[in-house]
């Protein structure tokens, strides 16, 4: 009876996984071997790995994703640490999560209002005697907006790992004479690396394929693989090449997950 109940619960999940995860990936892989006329070809992969343009896009995507991930980690870990020690920690976490409920496009246009030449920041600069600056369509503006959007996804797993820490380890470190900084670096941070790794996955992987922010905030100065996919599917109609780039992104995401996964020792808790 229990086996039947378990099976009835897992069937919808398996169907959902098959229809919306596995099937689209298989279709993408099949489509990546087709040319613009739909005929089988390997030229898409040959073009991708032999083209300086695509390789440069790949480097840009990894570079920007790395910078955004580093920025969010540097901001998020101290924030999560402070929040986890506050009295109403869950309330502060809710305030961090709230911006994720706002549509991404609305947030992008809000930043356009801030960064444009007639925007709020330039108006303030003019008020204190500085000339307006071109802040839109720059690498820095793209990094700021991307980091702002991704920060909640870095904070949440780190916060959860800090809240779930066994306080006895921290108390033991204090009893043995460790300072607050030594306790943070040698006890708290190592014990919360699971949350850090989950946060890196949650930020680095989506940032690799950003395209709307690169268009609206970065302009044509920030060209990534996400931008190239959008171009091939919506403009040039070369779905085969767009699918090839999509497959490359999927491989990059799998590698990221493998590099940041938790490596638990075999043999149980005590390594026996």
Protein backbone atom coordinates (compact mmCIF):
# COMPACT_ATOMS: atom_id res chain seq x y z
CA UNK A 1 0.00 0.00 0.00
CA UNK A 2 2.82 2.37 0.93
CA UNK A 3 4.65 1.51 -2.29
CA UNK A 4 1.53 2.41 -4.32
CA UNK A 5 1.15 5.71 -2.47
CA UNK A 6 4.80 6.57 -3.08
CA UNK A 7 4.43 5.72 -6.77
CA UNK A 8 1.32 7.89 -7.11
CA UNK A 9 3.23 10.84 -5.64
CA UNK A 10 6.30 10.36 -7.82
CA UNK A 11 4.49 9.91 -11.17
CA UNK A 12 3.42 13.61 -11.46
CA UNK A 13 6.97 14.68 -10.57
CA UNK A 14 8.50 12.32 -13.15
CA UNK A 15 6.03 13.55 -15.80
CA UNK A 16 6.79 17.19 -14.98
CA UNK A 17 10.54 16.51 -15.08
CA UNK A 18 10.26 14.66 -18.38
CA UNK A 19 8.02 17.20 -20.12
CA UNK A 20 9.56 20.45 -18.92
CA UNK A 21 13.22 19.58 -18.26
CA UNK A 22 14.43 16.49 -20.10
CA UNK A 23 12.35 16.86 -23.30
CA UNK A 24 13.33 20.54 -23.93
CA UNK A 25 17.03 19.72 -23.37
CA UNK A 26 16.83 16.79 -25.82
CA UNK A 27 15.07 18.98 -28.39
CA UNK A 28 17.73 21.67 -27.92
CA UNK A 29 20.54 19.15 -28.47
CA UNK A 30 18.83 17.75 -31.60
CA UNK A 31 18.20 21.25 -32.95
CA UNK A 32 21.86 22.22 -32.38
CA UNK A 33 22.82 19.74 -35.13
CA UNK A 34 20.60 21.45 -37.70
CA UNK A 35 21.47 24.26 -40.11
CA UNK A 36 19.23 27.21 -40.97
CA UNK A 37 17.29 24.95 -43.38
CA UNK A 38 16.84 22.19 -40.79
CA UNK A 39 19.36 19.75 -42.31
CA UNK A 40 21.84 17.80 -40.17
CA UNK A 41 25.25 19.46 -39.79
CA UNK A 42 28.21 19.73 -37.44
CA UNK A 43 29.08 23.20 -38.70
CA UNK A 44 27.37 24.93 -35.77
CA UNK A 45 29.84 23.43 -33.29
CA UNK A 46 32.78 23.92 -35.68
CA UNK A 47 31.81 27.58 -36.12
CA UNK A 48 31.36 28.12 -32.39
CA UNK A 49 34.72 26.68 -31.33
CA UNK A 50 36.66 28.24 -34.23
CA UNK A 51 35.11 31.72 -34.12
CA UNK A 52 36.90 34.43 -32.17
CA UNK A 53 33.58 36.24 -31.73
CA UNK A 54 31.83 33.34 -29.97
CA UNK A 55 34.88 32.54 -27.85
CA UNK A 56 35.04 36.21 -26.82
CA UNK A 57 31.34 36.08 -25.90
CA UNK A 58 32.01 32.95 -23.84
CA UNK A 59 34.86 34.69 -22.01
CA UNK A 60 32.68 37.77 -21.43
CA UNK A 61 29.84 35.63 -20.03
CA UNK A 62 32.14 33.77 -17.62
CA UNK A 63 34.01 36.95 -16.64
CA UNK A 64 30.87 38.99 -15.91
CA UNK A 65 29.21 36.07 -14.12
CA UNK A 66 32.33 35.67 -11.96
CA UNK A 67 32.48 39.41 -11.10
CA UNK A 68 28.74 39.55 -10.29
CA UNK A 69 29.03 36.41 -8.12
CA UNK A 70 32.05 37.85 -6.28
CA UNK A 71 30.27 41.18 -5.71
CA UNK A 72 27.14 39.53 -4.38
CA UNK A 73 29.13 37.20 -2.12
CA UNK A 74 31.15 40.07 -0.62
CA UNK A 75 27.92 41.97 0.12
CA UNK A 76 25.70 39.03 1.04
CA UNK A 77 27.84 37.13 3.54
CA UNK A 78 28.20 40.04 6.03
CA UNK A 79 24.50 40.89 5.53
CA UNK A 80 23.41 37.28 6.14
CA UNK A 81 25.71 37.02 9.16
CA UNK A 82 24.31 40.20 10.75
CA UNK A 83 20.70 39.23 9.93
CA UNK A 84 21.13 35.75 11.44
CA UNK A 85 22.14 37.36 14.75
CA UNK A 86 19.23 39.83 14.90
CA UNK A 87 16.17 39.26 17.07
CA UNK A 88 13.61 39.14 14.23
CA UNK A 89 15.86 37.46 11.65
CA UNK A 90 13.02 36.04 9.53
CA UNK A 91 11.44 39.49 9.19
CA UNK A 92 14.71 40.95 7.83
CA UNK A 93 15.02 38.01 5.46
CA UNK A 94 11.51 38.75 4.19
CA UNK A 95 12.57 42.34 3.42
CA UNK A 96 15.50 40.95 1.37
CA UNK A 97 13.19 38.57 -0.51
CA UNK A 98 10.52 41.22 -1.29
CA UNK A 99 12.38 42.78 -4.28
CA UNK A 100 12.36 39.38 -6.03
CA UNK A 101 8.55 39.67 -6.27
CA UNK A 102 8.91 42.78 -8.45
CA UNK A 103 9.04 42.16 -12.20
CA UNK A 104 12.60 42.14 -13.56
CA UNK A 105 11.68 44.53 -16.38
CA UNK A 106 10.28 47.07 -13.89
CA UNK A 107 13.49 46.94 -11.87
CA UNK A 108 15.55 47.45 -15.01
CA UNK A 109 13.53 50.53 -15.99
CA UNK A 110 13.87 51.87 -12.44
CA UNK A 111 17.64 51.74 -12.82
CA UNK A 112 17.38 53.44 -16.22
CA UNK A 113 15.62 56.27 -14.36
CA UNK A 114 18.51 56.40 -11.91
CA UNK A 115 21.44 56.10 -14.33
CA UNK A 116 20.24 58.10 -17.36
CA UNK A 117 21.72 61.54 -18.14
CA UNK A 118 18.56 63.20 -16.85
CA UNK A 119 18.14 60.64 -14.08
CA UNK A 120 18.11 61.01 -10.31
CA UNK A 121 21.85 60.46 -9.78
CA UNK A 122 22.89 63.01 -12.42
CA UNK A 123 20.36 65.52 -11.10
CA UNK A 124 21.91 65.17 -7.65
CA UNK A 125 25.43 65.57 -9.11
CA UNK A 126 24.34 68.72 -10.94
CA UNK A 127 22.84 70.04 -7.70
CA UNK A 128 26.19 69.78 -5.88
CA UNK A 129 28.15 71.26 -8.81
CA UNK A 130 29.31 68.25 -10.82
CA UNK A 131 28.73 67.77 -14.54
CA UNK A 132 26.38 64.92 -15.58
CA UNK A 133 28.10 61.60 -16.34
CA UNK A 134 27.23 58.87 -18.81
CA UNK A 135 26.39 55.94 -16.53
CA UNK A 136 24.07 54.01 -18.81
CA UNK A 137 25.43 51.45 -21.29
CA UNK A 138 28.63 50.83 -19.32
CA UNK A 139 30.12 47.68 -17.84
CA UNK A 140 29.85 49.14 -14.34
CA UNK A 141 26.14 49.92 -14.65
CA UNK A 142 25.50 46.37 -15.87
CA UNK A 143 27.48 44.87 -12.96
CA UNK A 144 25.65 47.02 -10.39
CA UNK A 145 22.18 46.13 -11.70
CA UNK A 146 23.00 42.42 -12.14
CA UNK A 147 24.46 42.25 -8.61
CA UNK A 148 21.41 44.03 -7.15
CA UNK A 149 19.06 41.55 -8.85
CA UNK A 150 21.05 38.49 -7.74
CA UNK A 151 21.84 39.50 -4.12
CA UNK A 152 18.68 37.92 -2.58
CA UNK A 153 19.54 34.56 -4.18
CA UNK A 154 22.97 34.68 -2.56
CA UNK A 155 21.74 35.83 0.85
CA UNK A 156 19.00 33.20 1.29
CA UNK A 157 21.14 30.00 1.28
CA UNK A 158 23.92 31.65 3.31
CA UNK A 159 21.39 32.92 5.86
CA UNK A 160 19.83 29.45 6.18
CA UNK A 161 23.21 27.80 6.71
CA UNK A 162 24.14 30.36 9.38
CA UNK A 163 20.82 29.99 11.22
CA UNK A 164 21.18 26.19 11.26
CA UNK A 165 24.73 26.30 12.70
CA UNK A 166 25.30 24.28 15.85
CA UNK A 167 26.02 27.01 18.44
CA UNK A 168 28.05 24.56 20.54
CA UNK A 169 30.96 24.87 18.06
CA UNK A 170 30.94 28.66 18.41
CA UNK A 171 30.75 28.44 22.21
CA UNK A 172 33.59 25.92 22.25
CA UNK A 173 35.77 28.25 20.14
CA UNK A 174 35.07 31.14 22.52
CA UNK A 175 35.84 28.95 25.57
CA UNK A 176 39.18 27.99 24.00
CA UNK A 177 40.13 31.66 23.70
CA UNK A 178 39.33 32.40 20.05
CA UNK A 179 38.54 36.00 19.24
CA UNK A 180 35.33 36.97 17.43
CA UNK A 181 37.24 37.31 14.15
CA UNK A 182 39.01 33.94 14.59
CA UNK A 183 35.67 32.30 15.38
CA UNK A 184 34.14 33.78 12.22
CA UNK A 185 37.03 32.80 9.94
CA UNK A 186 37.94 29.39 11.37
CA UNK A 187 34.60 28.09 12.66
CA UNK A 188 31.54 29.91 11.30
CA UNK A 189 32.66 30.38 7.68
CA UNK A 190 33.88 26.76 7.16
CA UNK A 191 30.63 25.44 8.64
CA UNK A 192 28.55 27.66 6.32
CA UNK A 193 30.35 26.82 3.07
CA UNK A 194 27.38 24.68 2.00
CA UNK A 195 25.23 27.82 1.89
CA UNK A 196 28.00 29.75 0.12
CA UNK A 197 28.28 27.08 -2.58
CA UNK A 198 24.49 27.01 -3.02
CA UNK A 199 24.52 30.80 -3.32
CA UNK A 200 27.29 30.69 -5.94
CA UNK A 201 25.22 28.22 -7.97
CA UNK A 202 22.09 30.37 -7.62
CA UNK A 203 23.91 33.49 -8.87
CA UNK A 204 26.63 32.33 -11.27
CA UNK A 205 24.44 30.03 -13.37
CA UNK A 206 21.60 32.54 -14.14
CA UNK A 207 24.12 35.36 -14.71
CA UNK A 208 25.79 33.31 -17.46
CA UNK A 209 22.64 33.55 -19.58
CA UNK A 210 21.45 37.10 -18.81
CA UNK A 211 20.24 38.92 -21.90
CA UNK A 212 17.54 41.48 -21.04
CA UNK A 213 19.73 43.38 -18.57
CA UNK A 214 22.64 43.35 -21.03
CA UNK A 215 20.38 45.03 -23.60
CA UNK A 216 18.61 47.57 -21.40
CA UNK A 217 21.43 48.53 -19.04
CA UNK A 218 24.65 47.45 -20.76
CA UNK A 219 23.60 48.34 -24.30
CA UNK A 220 25.82 46.92 -27.05
CA UNK A 221 28.92 47.23 -24.85
CA UNK A 222 28.06 44.07 -22.88
CA UNK A 223 27.77 41.10 -25.24
CA UNK A 224 27.24 37.69 -23.65
CA UNK A 225 26.07 34.25 -24.76
CA UNK A 226 22.56 35.07 -23.55
CA UNK A 227 22.53 38.06 -25.91
CA UNK A 228 23.76 35.85 -28.78
CA UNK A 229 21.00 33.27 -28.15
CA UNK A 230 18.37 36.02 -28.22
CA UNK A 231 19.86 37.35 -31.47
CA UNK A 232 19.86 33.96 -33.21
CA UNK A 233 16.35 32.96 -32.15
CA UNK A 234 14.57 36.30 -32.61
CA UNK A 235 16.54 38.18 -35.28
CA UNK A 236 18.62 35.95 -37.58
CA UNK A 237 16.25 32.95 -37.11
CA UNK A 238 19.27 30.65 -37.02
CA UNK A 239 17.81 28.33 -34.39
CA UNK A 240 20.53 25.72 -34.90
CA UNK A 241 23.30 28.11 -33.87
CA UNK A 242 21.19 29.47 -31.02
CA UNK A 243 20.62 25.91 -29.79
CA UNK A 244 24.35 25.18 -30.01
CA UNK A 245 25.10 28.14 -27.73
CA UNK A 246 22.32 26.91 -25.44
CA UNK A 247 23.96 23.48 -25.21
CA UNK A 248 27.30 25.13 -24.37
CA UNK A 249 25.59 27.08 -21.59
CA UNK A 250 24.00 23.90 -20.21
CA UNK A 251 27.43 22.21 -20.13
CA UNK A 252 28.88 25.28 -18.37
CA UNK A 253 26.07 25.15 -15.80
CA UNK A 254 26.64 21.43 -15.16
CA UNK A 255 30.38 22.06 -14.67
CA UNK A 256 29.59 24.89 -12.23
CA UNK A 257 27.30 22.61 -10.22
CA UNK A 258 29.96 19.88 -10.16
CA UNK A 259 32.67 22.30 -8.98
CA UNK A 260 30.49 23.79 -6.23
CA UNK A 261 28.78 20.62 -5.00
CA UNK A 262 29.19 19.42 -1.42
CA UNK A 263 31.87 16.73 -1.25
CA UNK A 264 30.90 14.65 1.78
CA UNK A 265 33.35 12.09 3.06
CA UNK A 266 32.50 8.49 2.46
CA UNK A 267 31.94 6.21 5.38
CA UNK A 268 29.62 8.34 7.43
CA UNK A 269 30.08 11.15 9.86
CA UNK A 270 33.31 9.95 11.42
CA UNK A 271 34.92 8.77 8.18
CA UNK A 272 34.67 5.08 9.21
